[in-house]
C-alpha cells in the first residue's frame, strides 16, 4: 500500500475517533478494543495492508513499544500528586514488588511444570507477563491528581512502578538462558541489575524532575522566561531521564516514572499555603480556553505557575500517549494472522493468568492493607497486560532467544495481551460504574 493509502486510513481513523470519543465513553468498550479491530481489519485477515511477522520485526516493535511505555510512565507519574509519605503509596509498592514476585513465581512454576519450558525461559515469561500496563489502564487510572481512591491510585502507581521492577526478572531469565551476564553465584545480577540499576534509575529521574521543575518555575515566576515550552519540557525530561539512565546502566523506565512524580512534587510543594482556586483545579484541567495573554499571566504568576506547568505537561503527554496506544495496538491487530499466535496451551494458560495468578498475587501482596474487599477484587481483576509486556517480549527476542523458544513466548504473550484487551475492555465500564456507586 502506498503513502496515499496510509494518509487516507490514518486521517480517517483519527477523525472518526475524535468525533466519536464521547460515544465510546458511554459504551462497554475501550479505545484499545477499537484500535485492535482496526488492526485486524488492516491486517492479513482483512485488507492485508499490514503484514507483521513478530520475530522478523522484533527490533522495530521493541522501539515502538519502548517509546509508548516511556510517555505513559511519565504521564502516570504526573498524575500522582499525593506525598510519598502518604499511606496510599503503600498499596502500589506492595503490588509492584510483592505481587509482582508472586506472579513471577507462579508463572515460573506453570512454565516449567505445565508448559515444559526451561527454567530460564519460564522465569523470562514471568518477567514479561508480571507488569501491568500504564498505557492501556487509563480507564482505571486516577481521575485527577488529588484522587485518593485506593483502587485507582493503587492501579496507577503499580503500573508506573512495575514496568521498572520487572526488568531484573527479565534479565535473570535471559541470564539463566546464557544470554546475559549474571556473575558467579549471581553477584552481578544482585548488585548491578537490582541494587544499582533500580536505585540509580529512581535517583536520576528524581533529581532531573526536581531540578528542571524548580528551574522552570524560577525562570517563569521571577524572570518571565521559559514560557510556552511545556511540550518540549515534557519530552526533554523523558529523553534525558531515559538516556542518562541507559548511559550509567540504570533502569530508564523507573527514571522516567520518578521524573514525573518529582515534577508533580515540585508543583505540590510550591502550591502549599495557596488558595485552591489559585493553584490547581480539582480536575487538573482549565475550565475554559484562555487567550495568549491570560495563558502568559498564569504561566508567570508565582501563585499559578506551578499548576500551569504541570497541567500543560500532562495535557501534552496524554495526547502523545493516545497516539502511542493507537500505533501499538493497531500493529498488534496486524499480527493476529501470525501462525504462532494462540498455541493450544492458551486454552488453559490465559484463563489461569487472568483468573488465578493475578487475583492470588494481589491477595498475597495486599495482606494487611486498608483496601476493602471489593477494591481488592477489582485490583485482582484489572491486572491489564499490554504494551509493557510487549516491550519486554521483543527486548528478549532481540537479545538472542533461540527461534523455537522465541516463537513459543511470542505466541503465549500475544495471546494474553489480546485476551486482556478484550475481556478487560468489555468489563471496565460496567464494573467501574458499579464501583462508583458503592
Protein backbone atom coordinates (compact mmCIF):
# COMPACT_ATOMS: atom_id res chain seq x y z
CA UNK A 1 0.00 0.00 0.00
CA UNK A 2 1.33 3.43 -0.89
CA UNK A 3 1.66 6.62 1.14
CA UNK A 4 -1.64 7.98 -0.17
CA UNK A 5 -3.50 4.95 1.15
CA UNK A 6 -1.98 5.38 4.60
CA UNK A 7 -2.84 9.08 4.66
CA UNK A 8 -6.47 8.18 4.00
CA UNK A 9 -6.54 5.38 6.57
CA UNK A 10 -4.77 7.24 9.37
CA UNK A 11 -6.57 10.52 8.71
CA UNK A 12 -9.97 8.88 8.57
CA UNK A 13 -9.32 6.86 11.70
CA UNK A 14 -8.24 9.89 13.71
CA UNK A 15 -11.20 11.98 12.60
CA UNK A 16 -13.68 9.19 13.37
CA UNK A 17 -12.16 8.66 16.81
CA UNK A 18 -12.25 12.37 17.56
CA UNK A 19 -15.90 12.68 16.53
CA UNK A 20 -16.98 9.55 18.36
CA UNK A 21 -14.93 9.89 21.54
CA UNK A 22 -17.87 10.80 23.77
CA UNK A 23 -19.94 7.95 22.34
CA UNK A 24 -17.18 5.46 23.07
CA UNK A 25 -17.01 6.64 26.69
CA UNK A 26 -20.63 5.54 27.18
CA UNK A 27 -20.16 2.11 25.60
CA UNK A 28 -18.83 -1.04 27.32
CA UNK A 29 -15.74 -0.92 25.11
CA UNK A 30 -12.39 0.84 25.25
CA UNK A 31 -10.46 2.67 22.58
CA UNK A 32 -7.88 -0.15 22.70
CA UNK A 33 -10.55 -2.59 21.55
CA UNK A 34 -11.39 -0.31 18.63
CA UNK A 35 -7.72 0.03 17.71
CA UNK A 36 -7.37 -3.75 17.83
CA UNK A 37 -10.35 -4.13 15.50
CA UNK A 38 -8.80 -1.61 13.09
CA UNK A 39 -5.52 -3.52 13.17
CA UNK A 40 -7.31 -6.77 12.38
CA UNK A 41 -9.16 -5.10 9.51
CA UNK A 42 -5.92 -3.73 8.09
CA UNK A 43 -4.00 -6.97 8.65
CA UNK A 44 -3.88 -10.20 6.63
CA UNK A 45 -7.27 -11.21 8.00
CA UNK A 46 -8.72 -8.05 6.41
CA UNK A 47 -7.38 -5.98 3.54
CA UNK A 48 -3.77 -7.05 4.01
CA UNK A 49 -2.29 -3.56 4.38
CA UNK A 50 -0.34 -4.62 7.48
CA UNK A 51 1.72 -7.79 7.46
CA UNK A 52 3.85 -8.15 10.56
CA UNK A 53 5.97 -11.18 11.45
CA UNK A 54 6.74 -10.65 15.17
CA UNK A 55 10.07 -12.47 15.11
CA UNK A 56 11.34 -10.76 11.98
CA UNK A 57 10.19 -7.28 13.05
CA UNK A 58 11.15 -7.65 16.72
CA UNK A 59 13.69 -4.80 16.71
CA UNK A 60 11.21 -2.30 15.27
CA UNK A 61 8.43 -3.46 17.58
CA UNK A 62 10.77 -3.13 20.57
CA UNK A 63 11.41 0.53 19.77
CA UNK A 64 7.76 1.37 19.11
CA UNK A 65 6.59 -0.20 22.37
CA UNK A 66 9.52 1.35 24.24
CA UNK A 67 8.51 4.88 23.26
CA UNK A 68 4.86 4.23 24.09
CA UNK A 69 5.74 2.95 27.57
CA UNK A 70 8.08 5.87 28.28
CA UNK A 71 5.46 8.51 27.52
CA UNK A 72 2.85 6.65 29.53
CA UNK A 73 5.13 6.24 32.55
CA UNK A 74 5.88 9.95 32.70
CA UNK A 75 2.18 10.65 32.37
CA UNK A 76 1.38 8.22 35.20
CA UNK A 77 3.94 9.93 37.43
CA UNK A 78 2.44 13.36 36.78
CA UNK A 79 -0.99 12.09 37.83
CA UNK A 80 0.17 11.01 41.30
CA UNK A 81 0.15 14.12 43.48
CA UNK A 82 -0.05 12.60 46.95
CA UNK A 83 3.10 12.97 49.10
CA UNK A 84 5.36 9.92 49.21
CA UNK A 85 4.79 9.76 52.96
CA UNK A 86 1.06 9.26 52.37
CA UNK A 87 -0.18 5.77 53.29
CA UNK A 88 -1.82 5.50 49.86
CA UNK A 89 1.60 4.76 48.34
CA UNK A 90 1.89 1.50 50.28
CA UNK A 91 -0.59 -0.35 48.06
CA UNK A 92 1.17 0.31 44.74
CA UNK A 93 4.54 -0.51 46.32
CA UNK A 94 3.19 -3.81 47.61
CA UNK A 95 1.70 -4.61 44.22
CA UNK A 96 4.79 -3.59 42.25
CA UNK A 97 7.13 -5.67 44.43
CA UNK A 98 5.28 -8.32 46.42
CA UNK A 99 2.50 -9.14 43.98
CA UNK A 100 4.91 -8.98 41.06
CA UNK A 101 7.26 -11.50 42.67
CA UNK A 102 4.36 -13.82 43.46
CA UNK A 103 3.26 -13.54 39.83
CA UNK A 104 6.75 -14.37 38.60
CA UNK A 105 6.96 -17.36 40.93
CA UNK A 106 3.59 -18.74 39.85
CA UNK A 107 4.24 -18.21 36.14
CA UNK A 108 7.68 -19.82 36.50
CA UNK A 109 6.15 -22.90 38.13
CA UNK A 110 3.48 -23.11 35.44
CA UNK A 111 6.09 -22.60 32.73
CA UNK A 112 8.33 -25.42 33.98
CA UNK A 113 5.72 -27.98 35.03
CA UNK A 114 2.80 -27.06 32.79
CA UNK A 115 4.42 -25.77 29.60
CA UNK A 116 7.65 -27.76 29.73
CA UNK A 117 9.83 -24.66 29.38
CA UNK A 118 13.44 -24.49 30.55
CA UNK A 119 13.80 -22.70 33.90
CA UNK A 120 15.30 -19.59 32.29
CA UNK A 121 12.51 -19.33 29.75
CA UNK A 122 9.88 -19.82 32.46
CA UNK A 123 11.42 -17.03 34.58
CA UNK A 124 11.60 -14.84 31.48
CA UNK A 125 7.92 -15.48 30.73
CA UNK A 126 7.12 -14.49 34.32
CA UNK A 127 9.04 -11.23 33.94
CA UNK A 128 7.31 -10.48 30.65
CA UNK A 129 3.80 -11.06 31.98
CA UNK A 130 4.24 -9.70 35.52
CA UNK A 131 3.99 -5.94 34.85
CA UNK A 132 0.58 -4.37 34.46
CA UNK A 133 0.16 -1.77 31.77
CA UNK A 134 0.27 2.02 32.18
CA UNK A 135 -0.76 2.58 28.54
CA UNK A 136 -3.99 0.57 28.42
CA UNK A 137 -5.08 1.14 32.03
CA UNK A 138 -6.38 4.68 31.51
CA UNK A 139 -9.96 3.74 32.34
CA UNK A 140 -8.98 2.62 35.85
CA UNK A 141 -6.31 5.26 36.48
CA UNK A 142 -6.62 8.20 38.87
CA UNK A 143 -9.15 10.71 37.55
CA UNK A 144 -7.33 13.82 38.81
CA UNK A 145 -4.04 14.45 40.65
CA UNK A 146 -5.69 14.70 44.08
CA UNK A 147 -7.65 11.47 43.59
CA UNK A 148 -7.23 9.47 46.82
CA UNK A 149 -9.32 6.50 45.77
CA UNK A 150 -7.35 3.42 46.83
CA UNK A 151 -8.35 1.37 43.79
CA UNK A 152 -7.36 3.90 41.14
CA UNK A 153 -4.26 5.11 42.97
CA UNK A 154 -3.04 1.56 43.54
CA UNK A 155 -3.50 0.54 39.90
CA UNK A 156 -1.88 3.72 38.54
CA UNK A 157 1.08 3.54 40.90
CA UNK A 158 1.55 -0.18 40.32
CA UNK A 159 1.57 0.26 36.53
CA UNK A 160 4.13 3.04 36.85
CA UNK A 161 6.47 1.12 39.15
CA UNK A 162 6.35 -2.47 37.97
CA UNK A 163 7.42 -1.70 34.42
CA UNK A 164 10.78 -0.98 36.01
CA UNK A 165 10.83 -3.54 38.81
CA UNK A 166 10.17 -6.34 36.29
CA UNK A 167 13.41 -5.64 34.43
CA UNK A 168 15.67 -7.59 36.85
CA UNK A 169 13.45 -10.64 36.39
CA UNK A 170 13.69 -10.39 32.61
CA UNK A 171 17.48 -10.12 32.88
CA UNK A 172 17.55 -13.09 35.27
CA UNK A 173 15.62 -15.18 32.75
CA UNK A 174 17.98 -14.15 29.96
CA UNK A 175 20.94 -14.90 32.21
CA UNK A 176 19.71 -18.40 33.01
CA UNK A 177 19.47 -18.95 29.27
CA UNK A 178 23.05 -17.78 28.82
CA UNK A 179 22.08 -14.50 27.14
CA UNK A 180 23.02 -12.09 29.96
CA UNK A 181 25.93 -11.98 32.40
CA UNK A 182 24.78 -12.82 35.94
CA UNK A 183 28.18 -13.19 37.58
CA UNK A 184 29.43 -16.08 39.72
CA UNK A 185 26.63 -17.05 42.07
CA UNK A 186 24.53 -14.25 40.63
CA UNK A 187 26.55 -11.48 42.30
CA UNK A 188 26.44 -9.18 39.28
CA UNK A 189 22.70 -9.61 38.91
CA UNK A 190 22.11 -8.85 42.60
CA UNK A 191 24.45 -5.88 42.91
CA UNK A 192 24.20 -4.31 39.45
CA UNK A 193 20.87 -5.39 37.93
CA UNK A 194 18.96 -4.99 41.19
CA UNK A 195 20.84 -2.73 43.60
CA UNK A 196 22.49 -0.25 41.26
CA UNK A 197 20.05 -0.17 38.35
CA UNK A 198 16.95 0.38 40.49
CA UNK A 199 18.44 2.95 42.90
CA UNK A 200 20.26 4.85 40.15
CA UNK A 201 17.20 4.91 37.92
CA UNK A 202 14.99 6.31 40.67
CA UNK A 203 17.68 8.79 41.72
CA UNK A 204 18.33 10.09 38.21
CA UNK A 205 14.65 10.61 37.47
CA UNK A 206 14.02 12.25 40.84
CA UNK A 207 16.98 14.61 40.53
CA UNK A 208 16.17 15.65 36.96
CA UNK A 209 12.47 16.14 37.62
CA UNK A 210 13.12 18.17 40.76
CA UNK A 211 15.93 20.24 39.31
CA UNK A 212 14.29 21.04 35.99
CA UNK A 213 10.90 21.68 37.60
CA UNK A 214 12.34 24.16 40.10
CA UNK A 215 14.44 25.88 37.45
CA UNK A 216 11.45 26.37 35.15
CA UNK A 217 9.30 27.77 37.94
CA UNK A 218 12.10 30.16 38.95
CA UNK A 219 12.57 31.41 35.39
CA UNK A 220 8.84 31.90 34.90
CA UNK A 221 7.87 33.43 38.23
CA UNK A 222 10.96 35.60 38.73
CA UNK A 223 12.05 36.47 35.21
CA UNK A 224 9.09 35.76 32.94
CA UNK A 225 11.21 33.40 30.83
CA UNK A 226 10.88 29.80 29.53
CA UNK A 227 7.15 30.19 28.85
CA UNK A 228 5.21 28.19 26.28
CA UNK A 229 7.67 25.30 26.14
CA UNK A 230 5.89 22.68 28.24
CA UNK A 231 5.72 20.18 25.38
CA UNK A 232 9.48 20.44 24.85
CA UNK A 233 9.95 20.29 28.61
CA UNK A 234 7.98 17.05 28.91
CA UNK A 235 9.71 15.32 26.01
CA UNK A 236 13.09 16.64 27.14
CA UNK A 237 12.67 15.25 30.66
CA UNK A 238 11.61 11.88 29.31
CA UNK A 239 14.55 11.69 26.92
CA UNK A 240 17.12 12.99 29.44
CA UNK A 241 15.97 10.68 32.21
CA UNK A 242 15.90 7.66 29.96
CA UNK A 243 19.12 8.44 28.10
CA UNK A 244 21.18 9.20 31.20
CA UNK A 245 19.90 6.03 32.86
CA UNK A 246 20.99 3.94 29.89
CA UNK A 247 24.43 5.57 29.94
CA UNK A 248 25.05 4.55 33.57
CA UNK A 249 23.33 1.16 33.34
CA UNK A 250 20.20 2.12 35.31
CA UNK A 251 16.57 1.33 34.59
CA UNK A 252 15.21 4.10 32.40
CA UNK A 253 11.57 3.15 32.94
CA UNK A 254 11.90 3.82 36.67
CA UNK A 255 13.78 7.05 35.94
CA UNK A 256 11.04 8.39 33.69
CA UNK A 257 8.31 7.50 36.19
CA UNK A 258 10.30 9.09 39.02
CA UNK A 259 10.80 12.23 36.93
CA UNK A 260 7.04 12.57 36.50
CA UNK A 261 6.39 12.04 40.22
CA UNK A 262 9.09 14.54 41.20
CA UNK A 263 7.77 17.25 38.85
CA UNK A 264 4.36 16.80 40.45
CA UNK A 265 6.01 17.03 43.89
CA UNK A 266 7.66 20.33 42.90
CA UNK A 267 4.22 21.67 41.95
CA UNK A 268 2.62 20.42 45.16
CA UNK A 269 5.30 21.93 47.40
CA UNK A 270 5.17 25.25 45.52
CA UNK A 271 1.39 25.34 45.97
CA UNK A 272 1.42 24.85 49.76
CA UNK A 273 -0.36 27.65 51.56
CA UNK A 274 -2.08 28.94 48.42
CA UNK A 275 -5.81 29.10 47.98
CA UNK A 276 -7.09 26.13 45.94
CA UNK A 277 -8.54 28.35 43.23
CA UNK A 278 -5.12 29.95 42.76
CA UNK A 279 -3.23 26.72 42.43
CA UNK A 280 -4.82 23.89 40.53
CA UNK A 281 -8.38 22.91 39.56
CA UNK A 282 -9.51 19.59 41.03
CA UNK A 283 -9.65 18.05 37.59
CA UNK A 284 -6.23 19.37 36.57
CA UNK A 285 -7.89 20.95 33.54
CA UNK A 286 -8.71 24.56 32.80
CA UNK A 287 -12.43 25.30 32.74
CA UNK A 288 -12.28 27.27 29.51
CA UNK A 289 -9.83 28.19 26.73
CA UNK A 290 -7.56 31.10 27.53
CA UNK A 291 -6.19 33.89 25.42
CA UNK A 292 -2.44 34.15 24.89
CA UNK A 293 -2.24 36.98 27.43
CA UNK A 294 -4.19 35.03 30.04
CA UNK A 295 -2.04 31.97 29.46
CA UNK A 296 1.12 34.07 29.83
CA UNK A 297 -0.22 35.59 33.03
CA UNK A 298 -0.93 32.17 34.55
CA UNK A 299 2.43 30.81 33.45
CA UNK A 300 4.38 33.62 35.15
CA UNK A 301 2.18 34.26 38.20
CA UNK A 302 4.06 32.78 41.21
CA UNK A 303 0.76 31.51 42.62
CA UNK A 304 -0.44 29.81 39.45
CA UNK A 305 2.79 28.93 37.62
CA UNK A 306 3.24 25.50 39.31
CA UNK A 307 -0.24 24.29 38.40
CA UNK A 308 0.03 25.75 34.91
CA UNK A 309 3.29 23.92 34.24
CA UNK A 310 2.07 20.51 35.35
CA UNK A 311 -1.34 20.75 33.69
CA UNK A 312 0.24 21.73 30.37
CA UNK A 313 2.76 18.90 30.57
CA UNK A 314 0.06 16.40 31.47
CA UNK A 315 -2.24 17.58 28.67
CA UNK A 316 0.51 17.19 26.10
CA UNK A 317 1.65 13.80 27.37
CA UNK A 318 -1.86 12.42 27.36
CA UNK A 319 -2.20 13.33 23.68
CA UNK A 320 1.08 11.61 22.82
CA UNK A 321 0.08 8.64 24.97
CA UNK A 322 -3.11 8.17 22.94
CA UNK A 323 -1.14 8.20 19.70
CA UNK A 324 1.29 5.63 21.09
CA UNK A 325 -1.57 3.41 22.22
CA UNK A 326 -3.15 3.61 18.79
CA UNK A 327 0.08 2.73 16.99
CA UNK A 328 0.97 -0.24 19.17
CA UNK A 329 -2.49 -1.81 19.34
CA UNK A 330 -3.11 -1.40 15.61
CA UNK A 331 0.20 -3.16 14.97
CA UNK A 332 -0.86 -5.86 17.43
CA UNK A 333 -4.04 -6.36 15.45
CA UNK A 334 -1.94 -6.74 12.34
CA UNK A 335 -0.07 -9.65 13.97
CA UNK A 336 -3.15 -11.76 14.66
CA UNK A 337 -2.75 -13.78 11.47
CA UNK A 338 0.73 -14.91 12.58
CA UNK A 339 0.85 -18.72 12.56
CA UNK A 340 2.26 -18.99 16.07
CA UNK A 341 -0.50 -16.99 17.74
CA UNK A 342 -2.88 -18.75 20.11
CA UNK A 343 -0.98 -22.02 20.61
CA UNK A 344 -3.03 -24.83 22.11
CA UNK A 345 -1.69 -24.08 25.61
CA UNK A 346 -3.51 -20.74 25.64
CA UNK A 347 -6.81 -22.56 26.19
CA UNK A 348 -5.85 -23.04 29.82
CA UNK A 349 -2.86 -20.70 30.26
CA UNK A 350 -4.66 -17.40 29.55
CA UNK A 351 -7.58 -18.07 31.94
CA UNK A 352 -5.08 -19.22 34.55
CA UNK A 353 -3.17 -15.94 34.23
CA UNK A 354 -6.23 -13.71 34.46
CA UNK A 355 -8.43 -15.66 36.88
CA UNK A 356 -5.97 -17.36 39.21
CA UNK A 357 -2.44 -15.94 39.07
CA UNK A 358 -3.33 -12.25 39.16
CA UNK A 359 -6.03 -12.44 41.89
CA UNK A 360 -3.84 -14.69 44.03
CA UNK A 361 -0.80 -12.42 43.66
CA UNK A 362 -2.89 -9.37 44.60
CA UNK A 363 -4.39 -11.15 47.61
CA UNK A 364 -0.92 -12.00 48.89
CA UNK A 365 0.55 -8.59 48.14
CA UNK A 366 -2.23 -6.68 49.88
CA UNK A 367 -2.41 -8.75 53.06
CA UNK A 368 -3.00 -6.34 55.92
CA UNK A 369 -3.60 -3.32 53.69
CA UNK A 370 -6.57 -0.97 54.31
CA UNK A 371 -8.11 -1.71 50.91
CA UNK A 372 -11.66 -3.03 51.07
CA UNK A 373 -12.70 -6.46 49.79
CA UNK A 374 -14.40 -5.00 46.66
CA UNK A 375 -11.29 -2.93 45.92
CA UNK A 376 -9.06 -6.00 46.22
CA UNK A 377 -11.28 -7.98 43.91
CA UNK A 378 -11.22 -5.22 41.30
CA UNK A 379 -7.45 -4.75 41.63
CA UNK A 380 -7.12 -8.50 41.17
CA UNK A 381 -9.23 -8.38 38.03
CA UNK A 382 -7.73 -5.29 36.42
CA UNK A 383 -4.23 -6.67 36.01
CA UNK A 384 -4.20 -5.43 32.42
CA UNK A 385 -1.37 -6.81 30.28
CA UNK A 386 -0.37 -4.75 27.29
CA UNK A 387 2.38 -2.58 25.89
CA UNK A 388 4.82 -3.13 28.76
CA UNK A 389 4.66 -6.90 28.29
CA UNK A 390 5.12 -6.46 24.55
CA UNK A 391 8.24 -4.36 25.11
CA UNK A 392 9.86 -6.94 27.38
CA UNK A 393 8.92 -9.69 24.95
CA UNK A 394 10.57 -8.05 21.96
CA UNK A 395 13.50 -6.92 24.09
CA UNK A 396 14.13 -10.58 24.92
CA UNK A 397 13.72 -11.67 21.30
CA UNK A 398 16.30 -9.13 20.10
CA UNK A 399 18.78 -10.36 22.70
CA UNK A 400 19.26 -13.74 21.09
CA UNK A 401 16.43 -16.06 22.13
CA UNK A 402 16.52 -19.28 20.09
CA UNK A 403 13.88 -19.15 17.35
CA UNK A 404 11.74 -22.03 18.64
CA UNK A 405 11.73 -20.68 22.19
CA UNK A 406 11.08 -17.11 20.99
CA UNK A 407 8.13 -18.34 18.94
CA UNK A 408 6.54 -20.00 21.97
CA UNK A 409 6.97 -16.94 24.19
CA UNK A 410 5.65 -14.63 21.47
CA UNK A 411 2.56 -16.80 20.99
CA UNK A 412 1.81 -17.01 24.71
CA UNK A 413 2.42 -13.31 25.38
CA UNK A 414 0.43 -12.01 22.42
CA UNK A 415 -2.44 -14.32 23.36
CA UNK A 416 -2.53 -13.00 26.93
CA UNK A 417 -2.37 -9.37 25.76
CA UNK A 418 -5.10 -9.75 23.13
CA UNK A 419 -7.46 -11.52 25.53
CA UNK A 420 -6.67 -8.97 28.25
CA UNK A 421 -7.56 -6.08 25.92
CA UNK A 422 -10.85 -7.78 25.04
CA UNK A 423 -12.11 -9.00 28.42
CA UNK A 424 -10.88 -6.06 30.46
CA UNK A 425 -12.18 -3.67 27.82
CA UNK A 426 -15.64 -5.21 27.92
CA UNK A 427 -15.79 -5.22 31.70
CA UNK A 428 -14.16 -1.92 32.68
CA UNK A 429 -17.12 0.42 32.04
CA UNK A 430 -19.83 -1.57 33.87
CA UNK A 431 -17.53 -2.55 36.73
CA UNK A 432 -16.24 0.98 37.30
CA UNK A 433 -19.77 2.39 37.13
CA UNK A 434 -20.82 -0.10 39.76
CA UNK A 435 -17.75 0.72 41.87
CA UNK A 436 -18.52 4.44 41.84
CA UNK A 437 -21.97 3.72 43.30
CA UNK A 438 -20.53 1.81 46.28
